[in-house]
Amino acid sequence: MPVGDRALASPDSVGTDSDRWVALRLIAIRRAYAFASRSPQGAVFSHLTAAHLHGLPVPHRLFADLSVHVTLGSREARPQAVGVTAHFVRSGRQRTVALGGMEVSTAVDTWCELSSMLHLNELVIVGDALVRRKDPLATMEDLAFRVRAYSGRHGVRRLRAALELVRPNTDSVPETELRLAIVDAGLPEPEVNVWVVDRQGRRLRLGDLVDRKRRILLEYDGPHHFQDEGQRRKDIDVLDAAVADGWRVIRAHRGHRANGFLEITARLRAALPERGWPSN
C-alpha cells in the first residue's frame, strides 16, 4: 500500500466519517483506474470497488479494505496481482455499466454482490441509498427483480431479508440507521420523508421519520442544521408550530448516532404510551 493510501486509511488521519469516506473513495477509484490497464479480459469491477465507483455508502468497518475487487467468468483468468480480490460468476449472470471507461457492475448488481460481505442493516443502508429521494439510482421494482435473479448465490437469504426492510425516499444514512434502530427496538416503524400536517390540513414540514397515526416526528439534524443560521431559525419556528399543534417532536444528531441511537429509541419508547401505543 502506498504511504499516502496508508495514511488516509488510518481511522485518525482524516476528520469526520464523511471526510474519511470521500478520501477512501478517491483511493479506490484511483486504484481501479491503475488496474484497468492490466486487468484480464472480461474483468468487471465489482463489490466494494463498484460501490465506491457508484458512490454507495460503504460501512465504516470496511474503510480499510483498499483491495480492487473484480469479478471474472473463469478462475483461469484470476489476476496475479497484489491488492486485487477476485470473485467469480457464471457468464451472463452479471449486468454491467460503463463508468469512466471501465466496465463496472450496475449499482443494483453491486448491492446484490455486497450481500456476501455486509451485515443485514448495512445492506439495508445501501439499498435505501439506491432508492433515495433525490437522484435515485434504482426503484424498488429494480431491487426486487435482481433479488429474484440472484437466487442460489451466496448471500441471497440476507439479500431477501434486506429487501423487506429497504424504504424509498430517504435522504441520508443516519436517517436509515435511526429507522432501523427503532425497528430493532421493537417500536412502530415510522414513515420516511412524509409531510407533517397540522389539524387544519396545512403542511408544516417534510419530516425525516414520521408516525402520522400517533403524531410523532423524529428529526435527524445533520451539520447543515447547525452551520446555516437561516436553517436553524426555520427549524425552530416550524418545529415549535408542530409542537403547538400537538405533535411530539424528538430530535437526534451525530452524538446520538455514536451509540446506535439508544437515547432516541428510549425517548420514543417513553413517548409512545401517551400516544396510545401499543393498544392502537
C-alpha atoms as a PDB file:
ATOM      1  CA  MET A   1       0.000   0.000   0.000  1.00  0.00           C
ATOM      2  CA  PRO A   2       1.485   3.394  -0.909  1.00  0.00           C
ATOM      3  CA  VAL A   3       2.303   5.662   2.034  1.00  0.00           C
ATOM      4  CA  GLY A   4      -0.416   8.170   1.095  1.00  0.00           C
ATOM      5  CA  ASP A   5      -3.033   5.432   0.895  1.00  0.00           C
ATOM      6  CA  ARG A   6      -1.981   4.039   4.267  1.00  0.00           C
ATOM      7  CA  ALA A   7      -2.282   7.467   5.892  1.00  0.00           C
ATOM      8  CA  LEU A   8      -5.759   8.018   4.549  1.00  0.00           C
ATOM      9  CA  ALA A   9      -6.815   4.532   5.621  1.00  0.00           C
ATOM     10  CA  SER A  10      -5.927   5.289   9.241  1.00  0.00           C
ATOM     11  CA  PRO A  11      -9.081   5.967  11.290  1.00  0.00           C
ATOM     12  CA  ASP A  12      -7.465   9.008  12.923  1.00  0.00           C
ATOM     13  CA  SER A  13      -5.899  10.593   9.837  1.00  0.00           C
ATOM     14  CA  VAL A  14      -9.000  12.250   8.359  1.00  0.00           C
ATOM     15  CA  GLY A  15     -11.535  14.391  10.243  1.00  0.00           C
ATOM     16  CA  THR A  16     -15.114  13.189  10.018  1.00  0.00           C
ATOM     17  CA  ASP A  17     -16.544   9.889   8.809  1.00  0.00           C
ATOM     18  CA  SER A  18     -17.751  11.748   5.726  1.00  0.00           C
ATOM     19  CA  ASP A  19     -14.268  13.116   5.028  1.00  0.00           C
ATOM     20  CA  ARG A  20     -12.757   9.678   5.544  1.00  0.00           C
ATOM     21  CA  TRP A  21     -15.277   8.071   3.185  1.00  0.00           C
ATOM     22  CA  VAL A  22     -14.554  10.618   0.464  1.00  0.00           C
ATOM     23  CA  ALA A  23     -10.797  10.128   0.848  1.00  0.00           C
ATOM     24  CA  LEU A  24     -11.046   6.346   0.670  1.00  0.00           C
ATOM     25  CA  ARG A  25     -13.444   6.510  -2.256  1.00  0.00           C
ATOM     26  CA  LEU A  26     -10.872   8.552  -4.182  1.00  0.00           C
ATOM     27  CA  ILE A  27      -8.192   5.964  -3.379  1.00  0.00           C
ATOM     28  CA  ALA A  28     -10.460   3.132  -4.545  1.00  0.00           C
ATOM     29  CA  ILE A  29     -11.226   4.917  -7.800  1.00  0.00           C
ATOM     30  CA  ARG A  30      -7.558   5.699  -8.396  1.00  0.00           C
ATOM     31  CA  ARG A  31      -6.588   2.067  -7.816  1.00  0.00           C
ATOM     32  CA  ALA A  32      -9.334   0.858 -10.128  1.00  0.00           C
ATOM     33  CA  TYR A  33      -8.017   3.077 -12.912  1.00  0.00           C
ATOM     34  CA  ALA A  34      -4.464   1.872 -12.274  1.00  0.00           C
ATOM     35  CA  PHE A  35      -5.537  -1.774 -12.532  1.00  0.00           C
ATOM     36  CA  ALA A  36      -7.824  -1.256 -15.545  1.00  0.00           C
ATOM     37  CA  SER A  37      -4.935  -1.063 -17.978  1.00  0.00           C
ATOM     38  CA  ARG A  38      -3.668  -4.538 -16.990  1.00  0.00           C
ATOM     39  CA  SER A  39      -6.847  -6.307 -15.948  1.00  0.00           C
ATOM     40  CA  PRO A  40      -7.713  -9.643 -17.603  1.00  0.00           C
ATOM     41  CA  GLN A  41     -10.140  -9.564 -20.487  1.00  0.00           C
ATOM     42  CA  GLY A  42     -13.704  -9.739 -19.248  1.00  0.00           C
ATOM     43  CA  ALA A  43     -12.880  -8.500 -15.739  1.00  0.00           C
ATOM     44  CA  VAL A  44     -15.636  -6.366 -14.214  1.00  0.00           C
ATOM     45  CA  PHE A  45     -15.081  -4.048 -11.274  1.00  0.00           C
ATOM     46  CA  SER A  46     -17.481  -5.203  -8.566  1.00  0.00           C
ATOM     47  CA  HIS A  47     -18.301  -5.435  -4.837  1.00  0.00           C
ATOM     48  CA  LEU A  48     -16.642  -2.700  -2.729  1.00  0.00           C
ATOM     49  CA  THR A  49     -14.795  -1.177  -5.674  1.00  0.00           C
ATOM     50  CA  ALA A  50     -18.043  -0.864  -7.616  1.00  0.00           C
ATOM     51  CA  ALA A  51     -19.731   0.604  -4.528  1.00  0.00           C
ATOM     52  CA  HIS A  52     -17.105   3.347  -4.430  1.00  0.00           C
ATOM     53  CA  LEU A  53     -17.439   3.962  -8.170  1.00  0.00           C
ATOM     54  CA  HIS A  54     -21.222   4.312  -7.819  1.00  0.00           C
ATOM     55  CA  GLY A  55     -20.909   6.471  -4.691  1.00  0.00           C
ATOM     56  CA  LEU A  56     -22.735   3.984  -2.465  1.00  0.00           C
ATOM     57  CA  PRO A  57     -22.189   4.128   1.321  1.00  0.00           C
ATOM     58  CA  VAL A  58     -19.528   1.685   2.492  1.00  0.00           C
ATOM     59  CA  PRO A  59     -19.729   0.658   6.176  1.00  0.00           C
ATOM     60  CA  HIS A  60     -17.078   2.083   8.457  1.00  0.00           C
ATOM     61  CA  ARG A  61     -15.691  -1.333   9.385  1.00  0.00           C
ATOM     62  CA  LEU A  62     -14.644  -1.823   5.734  1.00  0.00           C
ATOM     63  CA  PHE A  63     -12.989   1.567   5.325  1.00  0.00           C
ATOM     64  CA  ALA A  64      -9.552  -0.078   5.443  1.00  0.00           C
ATOM     65  CA  ASP A  65     -10.311  -2.548   2.614  1.00  0.00           C
ATOM     66  CA  LEU A  66      -8.482  -0.923  -0.285  1.00  0.00           C
ATOM     67  CA  SER A  67      -8.384  -4.030  -2.476  1.00  0.00           C
ATOM     68  CA  VAL A  68      -9.508  -3.737  -6.068  1.00  0.00           C
ATOM     69  CA  HIS A  69     -12.500  -6.066  -6.356  1.00  0.00           C
ATOM     70  CA  VAL A  70     -13.113  -7.631  -9.762  1.00  0.00           C
ATOM     71  CA  THR A  71     -15.479 -10.333 -10.957  1.00  0.00           C
ATOM     72  CA  LEU A  72     -14.466 -12.825 -13.648  1.00  0.00           C
ATOM     73  CA  GLY A  73     -16.214 -15.578 -15.559  1.00  0.00           C
ATOM     74  CA  SER A  74     -13.330 -18.040 -15.230  1.00  0.00           C
ATOM     75  CA  ARG A  75     -10.921 -18.957 -12.444  1.00  0.00           C
ATOM     76  CA  GLU A  76      -8.208 -19.438 -15.043  1.00  0.00           C
ATOM     77  CA  ALA A  77      -8.258 -15.680 -15.593  1.00  0.00           C
ATOM     78  CA  ARG A  78      -7.518 -14.909 -11.918  1.00  0.00           C
ATOM     79  CA  PRO A  79      -5.243 -11.845 -11.845  1.00  0.00           C
ATOM     80  CA  GLN A  80      -1.842 -12.406 -10.268  1.00  0.00           C
ATOM     81  CA  ALA A  81      -1.566  -9.019  -8.613  1.00  0.00           C
ATOM     82  CA  VAL A  82      -1.160  -7.806  -5.052  1.00  0.00           C
ATOM     83  CA  GLY A  83      -4.125  -5.862  -3.713  1.00  0.00           C
ATOM     84  CA  VAL A  84      -6.680  -7.447  -6.055  1.00  0.00           C
ATOM     85  CA  THR A  85      -9.593  -9.556  -4.784  1.00  0.00           C
ATOM     86  CA  ALA A  86     -11.133 -11.775  -7.438  1.00  0.00           C
ATOM     87  CA  HIS A  87     -14.718 -13.049  -7.452  1.00  0.00           C
ATOM     88  CA  PHE A  88     -16.229 -15.479  -9.943  1.00  0.00           C
ATOM     89  CA  VAL A  89     -19.663 -15.788 -11.517  1.00  0.00           C
ATOM     90  CA  ARG A  90     -21.032 -17.633 -14.490  1.00  0.00           C
ATOM     91  CA  SER A  91     -21.136 -15.606 -17.687  1.00  0.00           C
ATOM     92  CA  GLY A  92     -24.396 -13.771 -18.255  1.00  0.00           C
ATOM     93  CA  ARG A  93     -25.389 -13.539 -14.573  1.00  0.00           C
ATOM     94  CA  GLN A  94     -23.924 -10.077 -14.044  1.00  0.00           C
ATOM     95  CA  ARG A  95     -25.175  -6.807 -15.501  1.00  0.00           C
ATOM     96  CA  THR A  96     -22.608  -4.107 -16.142  1.00  0.00           C
ATOM     97  CA  VAL A  97     -22.373  -0.436 -16.980  1.00  0.00           C
ATOM     98  CA  ALA A  98     -19.537   1.727 -18.303  1.00  0.00           C
ATOM     99  CA  LEU A  99     -18.191   4.222 -15.775  1.00  0.00           C
ATOM    100  CA  GLY A 100     -15.212   6.352 -16.677  1.00  0.00           C
ATOM    101  CA  GLY A 101     -14.274   3.938 -19.433  1.00  0.00           C
ATOM    102  CA  MET A 102     -14.340   0.939 -17.079  1.00  0.00           C
ATOM    103  CA  GLU A 103     -16.789  -1.960 -17.021  1.00  0.00           C
ATOM    104  CA  VAL A 104     -18.489  -1.985 -13.629  1.00  0.00           C
ATOM    105  CA  SER A 105     -21.330  -3.941 -12.050  1.00  0.00           C
ATOM    106  CA  THR A 106     -24.558  -1.954 -12.197  1.00  0.00           C
ATOM    107  CA  ALA A 107     -25.487  -0.200  -8.971  1.00  0.00           C
ATOM    108  CA  VAL A 108     -28.210  -2.760  -8.197  1.00  0.00           C
ATOM    109  CA  ASP A 109     -25.940  -5.712  -9.025  1.00  0.00           C
ATOM    110  CA  THR A 110     -23.318  -4.170  -6.761  1.00  0.00           C
ATOM    111  CA  TRP A 111     -25.882  -4.155  -3.944  1.00  0.00           C
ATOM    112  CA  CYS A 112     -26.554  -7.832  -4.597  1.00  0.00           C
ATOM    113  CA  GLU A 113     -22.826  -8.632  -4.625  1.00  0.00           C
ATOM    114  CA  LEU A 114     -22.351  -6.874  -1.288  1.00  0.00           C
ATOM    115  CA  SER A 115     -24.806  -9.304   0.338  1.00  0.00           C
ATOM    116  CA  SER A 116     -21.878 -11.694   0.776  1.00  0.00           C
ATOM    117  CA  MET A 117     -19.868  -9.042   2.673  1.00  0.00           C
ATOM    118  CA  LEU A 118     -22.279  -6.843   4.616  1.00  0.00           C
ATOM    119  CA  HIS A 119     -24.411  -7.348   7.703  1.00  0.00           C
ATOM    120  CA  LEU A 120     -28.175  -7.077   7.255  1.00  0.00           C
ATOM    121  CA  ASN A 121     -28.564  -3.463   8.386  1.00  0.00           C
ATOM    122  CA  GLU A 122     -25.540  -2.404   6.324  1.00  0.00           C
ATOM    123  CA  LEU A 123     -27.160  -3.954   3.282  1.00  0.00           C
ATOM    124  CA  VAL A 124     -30.404  -2.098   4.005  1.00  0.00           C
ATOM    125  CA  ILE A 125     -28.460   1.180   4.195  1.00  0.00           C
ATOM    126  CA  VAL A 126     -27.039   0.591   0.710  1.00  0.00           C
ATOM    127  CA  GLY A 127     -30.488  -0.406  -0.561  1.00  0.00           C
ATOM    128  CA  ASP A 128     -32.016   2.778   0.853  1.00  0.00           C
ATOM    129  CA  ALA A 129     -29.268   4.781  -0.860  1.00  0.00           C
ATOM    130  CA  LEU A 130     -30.193   3.222  -4.209  1.00  0.00           C
ATOM    131  CA  VAL A 131     -33.861   4.269  -3.919  1.00  0.00           C
ATOM    132  CA  ARG A 132     -33.179   7.607  -2.183  1.00  0.00           C
ATOM    133  CA  ARG A 133     -35.461  10.604  -2.597  1.00  0.00           C
ATOM    134  CA  LYS A 134     -33.067  12.733  -4.672  1.00  0.00           C
ATOM    135  CA  ASP A 135     -31.446  11.305  -7.805  1.00  0.00           C
ATOM    136  CA  PRO A 136     -32.252   7.641  -7.090  1.00  0.00           C
ATOM    137  CA  LEU A 137     -30.193   5.005  -8.883  1.00  0.00           C
ATOM    138  CA  ALA A 138     -32.986   2.410  -8.870  1.00  0.00           C
ATOM    139  CA  THR A 139     -36.591   1.673  -7.985  1.00  0.00           C
ATOM    140  CA  MET A 140     -37.975  -0.869  -5.549  1.00  0.00           C
ATOM    141  CA  GLU A 141     -39.060  -2.903  -8.579  1.00  0.00           C
ATOM    142  CA  ASP A 142     -35.439  -2.942  -9.834  1.00  0.00           C
ATOM    143  CA  LEU A 143     -34.244  -4.273  -6.488  1.00  0.00           C
ATOM    144  CA  ALA A 144     -36.932  -6.959  -6.317  1.00  0.00           C
ATOM    145  CA  PHE A 145     -36.185  -8.099  -9.881  1.00  0.00           C
ATOM    146  CA  ARG A 146     -32.467  -8.535  -9.224  1.00  0.00           C
ATOM    147  CA  VAL A 147     -33.045 -10.282  -5.887  1.00  0.00           C
ATOM    148  CA  ARG A 148     -35.150 -12.879  -7.725  1.00  0.00           C
ATOM    149  CA  ALA A 149     -32.394 -13.263 -10.326  1.00  0.00           C
ATOM    150  CA  TYR A 150     -29.806 -13.711  -7.546  1.00  0.00           C
ATOM    151  CA  SER A 151     -31.402 -16.962  -6.388  1.00  0.00           C
ATOM    152  CA  GLY A 152     -28.905 -19.683  -5.499  1.00  0.00           C
ATOM    153  CA  ARG A 153     -25.970 -17.354  -4.908  1.00  0.00           C
ATOM    154  CA  HIS A 154     -24.074 -16.679  -1.696  1.00  0.00           C
ATOM    155  CA  GLY A 155     -25.843 -14.053   0.415  1.00  0.00           C
ATOM    156  CA  VAL A 156     -29.273 -14.341  -1.217  1.00  0.00           C
ATOM    157  CA  ARG A 157     -31.093 -15.027   2.072  1.00  0.00           C
ATOM    158  CA  ARG A 158     -29.654 -11.873   3.606  1.00  0.00           C
ATOM    159  CA  LEU A 159     -30.475 -10.015   0.393  1.00  0.00           C
ATOM    160  CA  ARG A 160     -34.117 -11.096   0.568  1.00  0.00           C
ATOM    161  CA  ALA A 161     -34.317 -10.024   4.203  1.00  0.00           C
ATOM    162  CA  ALA A 162     -32.760  -6.654   3.339  1.00  0.00           C
ATOM    163  CA  LEU A 163     -35.242  -6.077   0.524  1.00  0.00           C
ATOM    164  CA  GLU A 164     -38.083  -6.370   3.043  1.00  0.00           C
ATOM    165  CA  LEU A 165     -36.506  -3.581   5.115  1.00  0.00           C
ATOM    166  CA  VAL A 166     -35.480  -1.163   2.352  1.00  0.00           C
ATOM    167  CA  ARG A 167     -37.595   2.001   2.109  1.00  0.00           C
ATOM    168  CA  PRO A 168     -37.547   4.544  -0.732  1.00  0.00           C
ATOM    169  CA  ASN A 169     -37.246   8.340  -0.393  1.00  0.00           C
ATOM    170  CA  THR A 170     -34.514   8.508   2.254  1.00  0.00           C
ATOM    171  CA  ASP A 171     -32.139  11.463   2.374  1.00  0.00           C
ATOM    172  CA  SER A 172     -29.188  10.158   4.391  1.00  0.00           C
ATOM    173  CA  VAL A 173     -27.501   7.175   6.003  1.00  0.00           C
ATOM    174  CA  PRO A 174     -28.251   8.439   9.554  1.00  0.00           C
ATOM    175  CA  GLU A 175     -31.980   8.532   8.684  1.00  0.00           C
ATOM    176  CA  THR A 176     -31.828   4.860   7.742  1.00  0.00           C
ATOM    177  CA  GLU A 177     -29.754   3.980  10.818  1.00  0.00           C
ATOM    178  CA  LEU A 178     -32.287   5.698  13.094  1.00  0.00           C
ATOM    179  CA  ARG A 179     -35.225   3.961  11.407  1.00  0.00           C
ATOM    180  CA  LEU A 180     -33.551   0.575  11.764  1.00  0.00           C
ATOM    181  CA  ALA A 181     -32.699   1.290  15.422  1.00  0.00           C
ATOM    182  CA  ILE A 182     -36.405   1.933  16.017  1.00  0.00           C
ATOM    183  CA  VAL A 183     -37.389  -1.284  14.244  1.00  0.00           C
ATOM    184  CA  ASP A 184     -34.715  -3.301  16.073  1.00  0.00           C
ATOM    185  CA  ALA A 185     -36.054  -1.935  19.373  1.00  0.00           C
ATOM    186  CA  GLY A 186     -39.466  -3.407  18.574  1.00  0.00           C
ATOM    187  CA  LEU A 187     -41.131   0.001  18.218  1.00  0.00           C
ATOM    188  CA  PRO A 188     -43.578   1.069  15.479  1.00  0.00           C
ATOM    189  CA  GLU A 189     -41.738   1.824  12.255  1.00  0.00           C
ATOM    190  CA  PRO A 190     -42.126   5.459  11.171  1.00  0.00           C
ATOM    191  CA  GLU A 191     -42.642   6.539   7.578  1.00  0.00           C
ATOM    192  CA  VAL A 192     -39.763   8.120   5.680  1.00  0.00           C
ATOM    193  CA  ASN A 193     -39.918  11.729   4.452  1.00  0.00           C
ATOM    194  CA  VAL A 194     -43.647  12.359   4.563  1.00  0.00           C
ATOM    195  CA  TRP A 195     -45.403  15.645   5.262  1.00  0.00           C
ATOM    196  CA  VAL A 196     -46.178  16.721   8.786  1.00  0.00           C
ATOM    197  CA  VAL A 197     -49.654  18.263   8.572  1.00  0.00           C
ATOM    198  CA  ASP A 198     -51.439  20.363  11.216  1.00  0.00           C
ATOM    199  CA  ARG A 199     -55.067  19.931  12.243  1.00  0.00           C
ATOM    200  CA  GLN A 200     -56.130  22.482   9.621  1.00  0.00           C
ATOM    201  CA  GLY A 201     -54.522  20.392   6.894  1.00  0.00           C
ATOM    202  CA  ARG A 202     -51.572  22.750   6.374  1.00  0.00           C
ATOM    203  CA  ARG A 203     -48.191  21.262   5.565  1.00  0.00           C
ATOM    204  CA  LEU A 204     -45.645  22.206   8.198  1.00  0.00           C
ATOM    205  CA  ARG A 205     -42.568  20.221   7.200  1.00  0.00           C
ATOM    206  CA  LEU A 206     -41.326  17.235   5.250  1.00  0.00           C
ATOM    207  CA  GLY A 207     -40.422  15.098   8.245  1.00  0.00           C
ATOM    208  CA  ASP A 208     -37.433  12.754   8.298  1.00  0.00           C
ATOM    209  CA  LEU A 209     -39.281   9.962  10.150  1.00  0.00           C
ATOM    210  CA  VAL A 210     -42.972  10.371  10.874  1.00  0.00           C
ATOM    211  CA  ASP A 211     -45.549   8.349  12.789  1.00  0.00           C
ATOM    212  CA  ARG A 212     -48.690  10.046  11.462  1.00  0.00           C
ATOM    213  CA  LYS A 213     -51.061   7.834  13.419  1.00  0.00           C
ATOM    214  CA  ARG A 214     -49.549   8.868  16.758  1.00  0.00           C
ATOM    215  CA  ARG A 215     -48.383  12.325  15.610  1.00  0.00           C
ATOM    216  CA  ILE A 216     -44.718  11.749  16.415  1.00  0.00           C
ATOM    217  CA  LEU A 217     -41.942  13.387  14.391  1.00  0.00           C
ATOM    218  CA  LEU A 218     -38.303  12.283  14.571  1.00  0.00           C
ATOM    219  CA  GLU A 219     -35.726  14.579  13.020  1.00  0.00           C
ATOM    220  CA  TYR A 220     -32.037  13.917  12.399  1.00  0.00           C
ATOM    221  CA  ASP A 221     -30.156  17.227  12.439  1.00  0.00           C
ATOM    222  CA  GLY A 222     -27.133  16.987  10.139  1.00  0.00           C
ATOM    223  CA  PRO A 223     -24.280  19.533  10.108  1.00  0.00           C
ATOM    224  CA  HIS A 224     -26.150  21.992   7.873  1.00  0.00           C
ATOM    225  CA  HIS A 225     -28.794  22.448  10.572  1.00  0.00           C
ATOM    226  CA  PHE A 226     -26.118  23.948  12.830  1.00  0.00           C
ATOM    227  CA  GLN A 227     -23.944  25.727  10.269  1.00  0.00           C
ATOM    228  CA  ASP A 228     -26.735  27.580   8.440  1.00  0.00           C
ATOM    229  CA  GLU A 229     -28.272  30.281  10.656  1.00  0.00           C
ATOM    230  CA  GLY A 230     -31.303  30.584   8.398  1.00  0.00           C
ATOM    231  CA  GLN A 231     -31.896  26.844   8.575  1.00  0.00           C
ATOM    232  CA  ARG A 232     -31.616  26.866  12.360  1.00  0.00           C
ATOM    233  CA  ARG A 233     -34.222  29.613  12.669  1.00  0.00           C
ATOM    234  CA  LYS A 234     -36.559  27.851  10.250  1.00  0.00           C
ATOM    235  CA  ASP A 235     -36.194  24.600  12.205  1.00  0.00           C
ATOM    236  CA  ILE A 236     -37.077  26.330  15.469  1.00  0.00           C
ATOM    237  CA  ASP A 237     -40.139  28.062  14.045  1.00  0.00           C
ATOM    238  CA  VAL A 238     -41.528  25.036  12.199  1.00  0.00           C
ATOM    239  CA  LEU A 239     -40.913  22.536  14.990  1.00  0.00           C
ATOM    240  CA  ASP A 240     -42.420  24.907  17.567  1.00  0.00           C
ATOM    241  CA  ALA A 241     -45.508  25.132  15.339  1.00  0.00           C
ATOM    242  CA  ALA A 242     -45.666  21.329  15.176  1.00  0.00           C
ATOM    243  CA  VAL A 243     -45.436  21.033  18.980  1.00  0.00           C
ATOM    244  CA  ALA A 244     -48.136  23.673  19.419  1.00  0.00           C
ATOM    245  CA  ASP A 245     -50.362  21.631  17.110  1.00  0.00           C
ATOM    246  CA  GLY A 246     -49.926  18.531  19.274  1.00  0.00           C
ATOM    247  CA  TRP A 247     -47.026  16.786  17.582  1.00  0.00           C
ATOM    248  CA  ARG A 248     -44.380  15.112  19.741  1.00  0.00           C
ATOM    249  CA  VAL A 249     -41.002  16.083  18.298  1.00  0.00           C
ATOM    250  CA  ILE A 250     -37.860  14.062  19.013  1.00  0.00           C
ATOM    251  CA  ARG A 251     -34.578  15.387  17.600  1.00  0.00           C
ATOM    252  CA  ALA A 252     -31.357  13.447  17.063  1.00  0.00           C
ATOM    253  CA  HIS A 253     -27.874  14.436  15.980  1.00  0.00           C
ATOM    254  CA  ARG A 254     -24.462  12.925  15.395  1.00  0.00           C
ATOM    255  CA  GLY A 255     -23.756  12.426  19.093  1.00  0.00           C
ATOM    256  CA  HIS A 256     -26.785  10.142  19.400  1.00  0.00           C
ATOM    257  CA  ARG A 257     -25.643   8.160  16.378  1.00  0.00           C
ATOM    258  CA  ALA A 258     -22.422   7.091  18.117  1.00  0.00           C
ATOM    259  CA  ASN A 259     -24.232   4.669  20.473  1.00  0.00           C
ATOM    260  CA  GLY A 260     -26.764   3.406  17.954  1.00  0.00           C
ATOM    261  CA  PHE A 261     -29.443   5.965  18.867  1.00  0.00           C
ATOM    262  CA  LEU A 262     -30.126   4.256  22.206  1.00  0.00           C
ATOM    263  CA  GLU A 263     -31.160   7.557  23.821  1.00  0.00           C
ATOM    264  CA  ILE A 264     -33.526   8.354  20.969  1.00  0.00           C
ATOM    265  CA  THR A 265     -35.237   4.956  21.000  1.00  0.00           C
ATOM    266  CA  ALA A 266     -35.600   5.306  24.797  1.00  0.00           C
ATOM    267  CA  ARG A 267     -37.290   8.685  24.360  1.00  0.00           C
ATOM    268  CA  LEU A 268     -39.562   7.273  21.692  1.00  0.00           C
ATOM    269  CA  ARG A 269     -40.467   4.292  23.875  1.00  0.00           C
ATOM    270  CA  ALA A 270     -41.339   6.671  26.732  1.00  0.00           C
ATOM    271  CA  ALA A 271     -43.460   8.875  24.464  1.00  0.00           C
ATOM    272  CA  LEU A 272     -45.484   6.115  22.803  1.00  0.00           C
ATOM    273  CA  PRO A 273     -47.797   5.109  25.706  1.00  0.00           C
ATOM    274  CA  GLU A 274     -49.252   8.627  25.962  1.00  0.00           C
ATOM    275  CA  ARG A 275     -49.913   8.384  22.216  1.00  0.00           C
ATOM    276  CA  GLY A 276     -51.935   5.180  22.566  1.00  0.00           C
ATOM    277  CA  TRP A 277     -49.286   2.546  21.753  1.00  0.00           C
ATOM    278  CA  PRO A 278     -49.406  -0.406  21.938  1.00  0.00           C
ATOM    279  CA  SER A 279     -53.197  -0.502  22.221  1.00  0.00           C
ATOM    280  CA  ASN A 280     -53.879   1.270  18.908  1.00  0.00           C
END
